[in-house]
Structures are given as C-alpha cells and as structure tokens.
Amino acid sequence: MSGYHNLLERQVRAEASRNRMIFYTIIVLSFIYLSISLLFGDMGLMKYLEMNRTRTSIEKQIVEVHNQNELLRRQLKALKDDPFYREKLAREEYGLSKPDEYIFQYDR
C-alpha cells in the first residue's frame, strides 16, 4: 500500500502545482490586461495626456481670440467716436485723400 500512497501523494502534489500555475497565470494575464487598459484604453493614461494637451491648446486659442476681440472692440469704438482715427485709417489703409490733395506712395 505504500506504493499506492506515494502515487496518490504525487498526484495530489502535481494537481496542486498545476492549480497554482493556473492561478498565477491568470493573475499575471489579468495584471497585463489591466496595465495595457490603464495605459492605452479609451480612458487610459495616453488618452488623458492627449486630452490634456488638447485642452491646453484650446485654452491658448481662447485667450488669443479674446485678445483679438478686445482689439477689435477698441478699433470699433475708435471708428465710431474718433474722427481723426477714421481719417488716419482712410488715408493709410485705403489711400484716400481730401480734395485737392496729392498722395505720394513709396515702395519700401
């Protein structure tokens, strides 16, 4: 019976070893899957970094557009309120002149 007992003991150890190997394999594969998901998934680290860069870029664009709007508001106010500014703009941008006035343009 001693041989039967040794055979049974070896079978139990082999099955326990196989079960441990399966368990550790599942744990390792789960860890790999979770790591890849956290890094490259739809809500992963790479997507977060990309969205953060996009947000920063859009915030800069918003500031630039805000500054342009403010400049345009000031120019519009000057056009409405300041006759000297209107005259300067008409002369410089459109080459207009008063009657009996000559304009000399030079190439730079």
N, C-alpha and C. Protein backbone atom coordinates (compact mmCIF):
# COMPACT_ATOMS: atom_id res chain seq x y z
N MET A 1 0.82 -1.19 0.00
CA MET A 1 0.00 0.00 0.00
C MET A 1 0.86 1.25 0.00
N SER A 2 2.05 1.08 0.37
CA SER A 2 2.96 2.21 0.42
C SER A 2 3.18 2.79 -0.96
N GLY A 3 3.24 1.95 -2.01
CA GLY A 3 3.41 2.43 -3.38
C GLY A 3 2.17 3.19 -3.84
N TYR A 4 1.00 2.67 -3.46
CA TYR A 4 -0.26 3.35 -3.82
C TYR A 4 -0.34 4.70 -3.13
N HIS A 5 0.11 4.77 -1.87
CA HIS A 5 0.10 6.01 -1.10
C HIS A 5 1.03 7.04 -1.73
N ASN A 6 2.24 6.61 -2.16
CA ASN A 6 3.19 7.52 -2.81
C ASN A 6 2.64 8.04 -4.13
N LEU A 7 2.00 7.16 -4.90
CA LEU A 7 1.43 7.56 -6.18
C LEU A 7 0.31 8.58 -5.96
N LEU A 8 -0.51 8.32 -4.97
CA LEU A 8 -1.60 9.25 -4.67
C LEU A 8 -1.05 10.59 -4.19
N GLU A 9 -0.02 10.56 -3.39
CA GLU A 9 0.60 11.79 -2.89
C GLU A 9 1.22 12.60 -4.04
N ARG A 10 1.88 11.91 -4.97
CA ARG A 10 2.45 12.59 -6.12
C ARG A 10 1.36 13.20 -7.00
N GLN A 11 0.27 12.52 -7.17
CA GLN A 11 -0.83 13.04 -7.97
C GLN A 11 -1.44 14.29 -7.33
N VAL A 12 -1.57 14.24 -6.02
CA VAL A 12 -2.13 15.40 -5.30
C VAL A 12 -1.19 16.59 -5.42
N ARG A 13 0.13 16.37 -5.27
CA ARG A 13 1.09 17.45 -5.41
C ARG A 13 1.11 18.00 -6.84
N ALA A 14 1.04 17.12 -7.81
CA ALA A 14 1.04 17.55 -9.21
C ALA A 14 -0.21 18.39 -9.51
N GLU A 15 -1.34 17.96 -9.00
CA GLU A 15 -2.58 18.71 -9.22
C GLU A 15 -2.53 20.05 -8.50
N ALA A 16 -1.98 20.10 -7.31
CA ALA A 16 -1.84 21.36 -6.57
C ALA A 16 -0.89 22.29 -7.31
N SER A 17 0.20 21.73 -7.82
CA SER A 17 1.16 22.54 -8.57
C SER A 17 0.51 23.09 -9.84
N ARG A 18 -0.27 22.26 -10.54
CA ARG A 18 -0.96 22.70 -11.74
C ARG A 18 -1.98 23.79 -11.41
N ASN A 19 -2.69 23.63 -10.32
CA ASN A 19 -3.68 24.65 -9.91
C ASN A 19 -3.00 25.98 -9.57
N ARG A 20 -1.84 25.88 -8.86
CA ARG A 20 -1.09 27.10 -8.55
C ARG A 20 -0.61 27.78 -9.82
N MET A 21 -0.11 27.00 -10.79
CA MET A 21 0.38 27.54 -12.05
C MET A 21 -0.77 28.23 -12.80
N ILE A 22 -1.92 27.62 -12.83
CA ILE A 22 -3.10 28.24 -13.48
C ILE A 22 -3.47 29.53 -12.77
N PHE A 23 -3.48 29.51 -11.45
CA PHE A 23 -3.84 30.69 -10.68
C PHE A 23 -2.86 31.84 -10.97
N TYR A 24 -1.55 31.55 -10.91
CA TYR A 24 -0.55 32.60 -11.16
C TYR A 24 -0.61 33.09 -12.61
N THR A 25 -0.87 32.20 -13.53
CA THR A 25 -1.00 32.61 -14.94
C THR A 25 -2.18 33.55 -15.10
N ILE A 26 -3.29 33.23 -14.47
CA ILE A 26 -4.47 34.11 -14.54
C ILE A 26 -4.16 35.47 -13.91
N ILE A 27 -3.47 35.48 -12.79
CA ILE A 27 -3.11 36.72 -12.12
C ILE A 27 -2.20 37.56 -13.02
N VAL A 28 -1.19 36.95 -13.61
CA VAL A 28 -0.24 37.68 -14.47
C VAL A 28 -0.96 38.22 -15.71
N LEU A 29 -1.78 37.40 -16.34
CA LEU A 29 -2.52 37.85 -17.52
C LEU A 29 -3.48 38.98 -17.17
N SER A 30 -4.13 38.88 -16.01
CA SER A 30 -5.02 39.96 -15.56
C SER A 30 -4.24 41.25 -15.33
N PHE A 31 -3.09 41.14 -14.72
CA PHE A 31 -2.25 42.32 -14.48
C PHE A 31 -1.80 42.95 -15.80
N ILE A 32 -1.41 42.12 -16.75
CA ILE A 32 -1.00 42.64 -18.07
C ILE A 32 -2.17 43.33 -18.75
N TYR A 33 -3.34 42.71 -18.72
CA TYR A 33 -4.53 43.31 -19.34
C TYR A 33 -4.87 44.65 -18.68
N LEU A 34 -4.86 44.69 -17.36
CA LEU A 34 -5.18 45.93 -16.65
C LEU A 34 -4.15 47.02 -16.94
N SER A 35 -2.89 46.64 -17.00
CA SER A 35 -1.83 47.62 -17.30
C SER A 35 -2.02 48.21 -18.69
N ILE A 36 -2.29 47.35 -19.66
CA ILE A 36 -2.50 47.84 -21.03
C ILE A 36 -3.74 48.72 -21.09
N SER A 37 -4.79 48.32 -20.41
CA SER A 37 -6.03 49.12 -20.40
C SER A 37 -5.80 50.47 -19.75
N LEU A 38 -5.07 50.50 -18.65
CA LEU A 38 -4.81 51.77 -17.97
C LEU A 38 -3.92 52.69 -18.78
N LEU A 39 -3.04 52.13 -19.59
CA LEU A 39 -2.14 52.96 -20.39
C LEU A 39 -2.77 53.36 -21.73
N PHE A 40 -3.37 52.41 -22.43
CA PHE A 40 -3.76 52.66 -23.81
C PHE A 40 -5.26 52.59 -24.07
N GLY A 41 -6.07 52.36 -23.07
CA GLY A 41 -7.51 52.23 -23.27
C GLY A 41 -8.18 53.57 -23.55
N ASP A 42 -9.50 53.53 -23.75
CA ASP A 42 -10.27 54.74 -24.04
C ASP A 42 -10.18 55.77 -22.92
N MET A 43 -10.03 55.32 -21.72
CA MET A 43 -9.91 56.22 -20.58
C MET A 43 -8.53 56.06 -19.94
N GLY A 44 -7.54 55.67 -20.72
CA GLY A 44 -6.20 55.39 -20.21
C GLY A 44 -5.34 56.63 -20.09
N LEU A 45 -4.14 56.40 -19.65
CA LEU A 45 -3.19 57.48 -19.40
C LEU A 45 -2.83 58.21 -20.68
N MET A 46 -2.60 57.51 -21.76
CA MET A 46 -2.24 58.16 -23.03
C MET A 46 -3.37 59.06 -23.52
N LYS A 47 -4.60 58.58 -23.41
CA LYS A 47 -5.75 59.38 -23.82
C LYS A 47 -5.87 60.62 -22.93
N TYR A 48 -5.62 60.44 -21.64
CA TYR A 48 -5.67 61.57 -20.71
C TYR A 48 -4.63 62.62 -21.06
N LEU A 49 -3.41 62.18 -21.36
CA LEU A 49 -2.35 63.13 -21.71
C LEU A 49 -2.68 63.86 -23.01
N GLU A 50 -3.21 63.14 -23.98
CA GLU A 50 -3.60 63.76 -25.24
C GLU A 50 -4.70 64.80 -25.02
N MET A 51 -5.69 64.44 -24.21
CA MET A 51 -6.79 65.37 -23.93
C MET A 51 -6.29 66.58 -23.15
N ASN A 52 -5.33 66.38 -22.27
CA ASN A 52 -4.76 67.48 -21.52
C ASN A 52 -4.02 68.45 -22.45
N ARG A 53 -3.26 67.92 -23.41
CA ARG A 53 -2.58 68.77 -24.40
C ARG A 53 -3.60 69.53 -25.24
N THR A 54 -4.65 68.85 -25.64
CA THR A 54 -5.70 69.50 -26.44
C THR A 54 -6.36 70.61 -25.65
N ARG A 55 -6.65 70.36 -24.39
CA ARG A 55 -7.28 71.37 -23.54
C ARG A 55 -6.39 72.60 -23.40
N THR A 56 -5.09 72.38 -23.19
CA THR A 56 -4.15 73.49 -23.07
C THR A 56 -4.10 74.31 -24.35
N SER A 57 -4.09 73.61 -25.48
CA SER A 57 -4.06 74.29 -26.77
C SER A 57 -5.33 75.11 -26.98
N ILE A 58 -6.46 74.56 -26.63
CA ILE A 58 -7.74 75.27 -26.80
C ILE A 58 -7.81 76.47 -25.86
N GLU A 59 -7.29 76.33 -24.65
CA GLU A 59 -7.27 77.46 -23.73
C GLU A 59 -6.42 78.60 -24.28
N LYS A 60 -5.29 78.27 -24.90
CA LYS A 60 -4.45 79.31 -25.51
C LYS A 60 -5.19 79.99 -26.66
N GLN A 61 -5.89 79.20 -27.46
CA GLN A 61 -6.66 79.77 -28.57
C GLN A 61 -7.76 80.69 -28.05
N ILE A 62 -8.39 80.31 -26.95
CA ILE A 62 -9.45 81.14 -26.37
C ILE A 62 -8.87 82.48 -25.92
N VAL A 63 -7.70 82.45 -25.29
CA VAL A 63 -7.06 83.69 -24.85
C VAL A 63 -6.73 84.57 -26.05
N GLU A 64 -6.19 83.96 -27.13
CA GLU A 64 -5.86 84.73 -28.32
C GLU A 64 -7.10 85.36 -28.94
N VAL A 65 -8.17 84.59 -29.05
CA VAL A 65 -9.42 85.12 -29.62
C VAL A 65 -9.99 86.22 -28.74
N HIS A 66 -9.89 86.05 -27.44
CA HIS A 66 -10.36 87.09 -26.51
C HIS A 66 -9.56 88.39 -26.73
N ASN A 67 -8.25 88.26 -26.86
CA ASN A 67 -7.40 89.44 -27.09
C ASN A 67 -7.74 90.10 -28.43
N GLN A 68 -7.96 89.30 -29.47
CA GLN A 68 -8.34 89.84 -30.77
C GLN A 68 -9.68 90.56 -30.69
N ASN A 69 -10.62 89.97 -29.96
CA ASN A 69 -11.94 90.60 -29.79
C ASN A 69 -11.81 91.95 -29.08
N GLU A 70 -10.97 91.98 -28.08
CA GLU A 70 -10.78 93.24 -27.34
C GLU A 70 -10.17 94.30 -28.25
N LEU A 71 -9.18 93.91 -29.06
CA LEU A 71 -8.57 94.85 -30.01
C LEU A 71 -9.61 95.36 -31.01
N LEU A 72 -10.44 94.46 -31.53
CA LEU A 72 -11.48 94.85 -32.48
C LEU A 72 -12.51 95.77 -31.83
N ARG A 73 -12.84 95.50 -30.57
CA ARG A 73 -13.78 96.38 -29.86
C ARG A 73 -13.22 97.80 -29.73
N ARG A 74 -11.91 97.87 -29.39
CA ARG A 74 -11.29 99.19 -29.27
C ARG A 74 -11.24 99.90 -30.62
N GLN A 75 -10.92 99.16 -31.68
CA GLN A 75 -10.90 99.76 -33.02
C GLN A 75 -12.29 100.23 -33.43
N LEU A 76 -13.29 99.44 -33.16
CA LEU A 76 -14.67 99.82 -33.50
C LEU A 76 -15.09 101.07 -32.73
N LYS A 77 -14.76 101.12 -31.45
CA LYS A 77 -15.08 102.29 -30.64
C LYS A 77 -14.37 103.52 -31.19
N ALA A 78 -13.10 103.37 -31.58
CA ALA A 78 -12.35 104.49 -32.14
C ALA A 78 -12.96 104.93 -33.48
N LEU A 79 -13.40 103.98 -34.29
CA LEU A 79 -14.04 104.34 -35.56
C LEU A 79 -15.33 105.11 -35.35
N LYS A 80 -16.07 104.72 -34.31
CA LYS A 80 -17.34 105.40 -34.03
C LYS A 80 -17.13 106.78 -33.41
N ASP A 81 -16.15 106.90 -32.53
CA ASP A 81 -16.02 108.10 -31.71
C ASP A 81 -14.95 109.08 -32.17
N ASP A 82 -13.91 108.63 -32.83
CA ASP A 82 -12.74 109.47 -33.11
C ASP A 82 -12.62 109.78 -34.61
N PRO A 83 -12.93 111.01 -35.02
CA PRO A 83 -12.84 111.34 -36.45
C PRO A 83 -11.40 111.32 -36.96
N PHE A 84 -10.44 111.62 -36.12
CA PHE A 84 -9.03 111.59 -36.53
C PHE A 84 -8.59 110.16 -36.84
N TYR A 85 -9.06 109.21 -36.06
CA TYR A 85 -8.74 107.80 -36.32
C TYR A 85 -9.35 107.36 -37.63
N ARG A 86 -10.60 107.75 -37.90
CA ARG A 86 -11.25 107.41 -39.18
C ARG A 86 -10.45 107.96 -40.35
N GLU A 87 -10.02 109.23 -40.23
CA GLU A 87 -9.26 109.86 -41.31
C GLU A 87 -7.92 109.13 -41.51
N LYS A 88 -7.24 108.82 -40.40
CA LYS A 88 -5.96 108.11 -40.49
C LYS A 88 -6.13 106.75 -41.15
N LEU A 89 -7.16 106.02 -40.77
CA LEU A 89 -7.43 104.71 -41.36
C LEU A 89 -7.75 104.83 -42.85
N ALA A 90 -8.56 105.82 -43.22
CA ALA A 90 -8.91 106.01 -44.63
C ALA A 90 -7.68 106.35 -45.45
N ARG A 91 -6.78 107.14 -44.90
CA ARG A 91 -5.57 107.51 -45.63
C ARG A 91 -4.59 106.34 -45.73
N GLU A 92 -4.33 105.65 -44.62
CA GLU A 92 -3.30 104.61 -44.60
C GLU A 92 -3.76 103.31 -45.24
N GLU A 93 -4.97 102.90 -44.97
CA GLU A 93 -5.43 101.60 -45.46
C GLU A 93 -5.99 101.67 -46.88
N TYR A 94 -6.67 102.76 -47.20
CA TYR A 94 -7.38 102.82 -48.47
C TYR A 94 -6.82 103.85 -49.46
N GLY A 95 -5.81 104.60 -49.02
CA GLY A 95 -5.17 105.57 -49.92
C GLY A 95 -6.08 106.73 -50.30
N LEU A 96 -7.04 107.05 -49.47
CA LEU A 96 -7.96 108.16 -49.76
C LEU A 96 -7.29 109.49 -49.42
N SER A 97 -7.80 110.54 -50.02
CA SER A 97 -7.25 111.87 -49.75
C SER A 97 -8.38 112.89 -49.76
N LYS A 98 -8.07 114.06 -49.25
CA LYS A 98 -9.02 115.17 -49.28
C LYS A 98 -8.99 115.77 -50.69
N PRO A 99 -10.01 116.52 -51.03
CA PRO A 99 -9.99 117.17 -52.35
C PRO A 99 -8.77 118.09 -52.48
N ASP A 100 -8.20 118.17 -53.66
CA ASP A 100 -7.03 118.98 -53.97
C ASP A 100 -5.80 118.56 -53.15
N GLU A 101 -5.69 117.31 -52.82
CA GLU A 101 -4.56 116.81 -52.05
C GLU A 101 -3.91 115.69 -52.86
N TYR A 102 -2.59 115.66 -52.89
CA TYR A 102 -1.86 114.63 -53.63
C TYR A 102 -1.25 113.64 -52.65
N ILE A 103 -1.23 112.39 -53.08
CA ILE A 103 -0.64 111.33 -52.24
C ILE A 103 0.54 110.75 -52.99
N PHE A 104 1.68 110.69 -52.29
CA PHE A 104 2.88 110.10 -52.86
C PHE A 104 3.13 108.78 -52.12
N GLN A 105 3.20 107.68 -52.86
CA GLN A 105 3.44 106.38 -52.24
C GLN A 105 4.81 105.88 -52.69
N TYR A 106 5.56 105.38 -51.74
CA TYR A 106 6.91 104.87 -51.99
C TYR A 106 6.95 103.39 -51.70
N ASP A 107 7.70 102.66 -52.50
CA ASP A 107 7.93 101.25 -52.21
C ASP A 107 9.02 101.13 -51.16
N ARG A 108 8.83 100.26 -50.26
CA ARG A 108 9.82 100.07 -49.19
C ARG A 108 10.72 98.96 -49.49
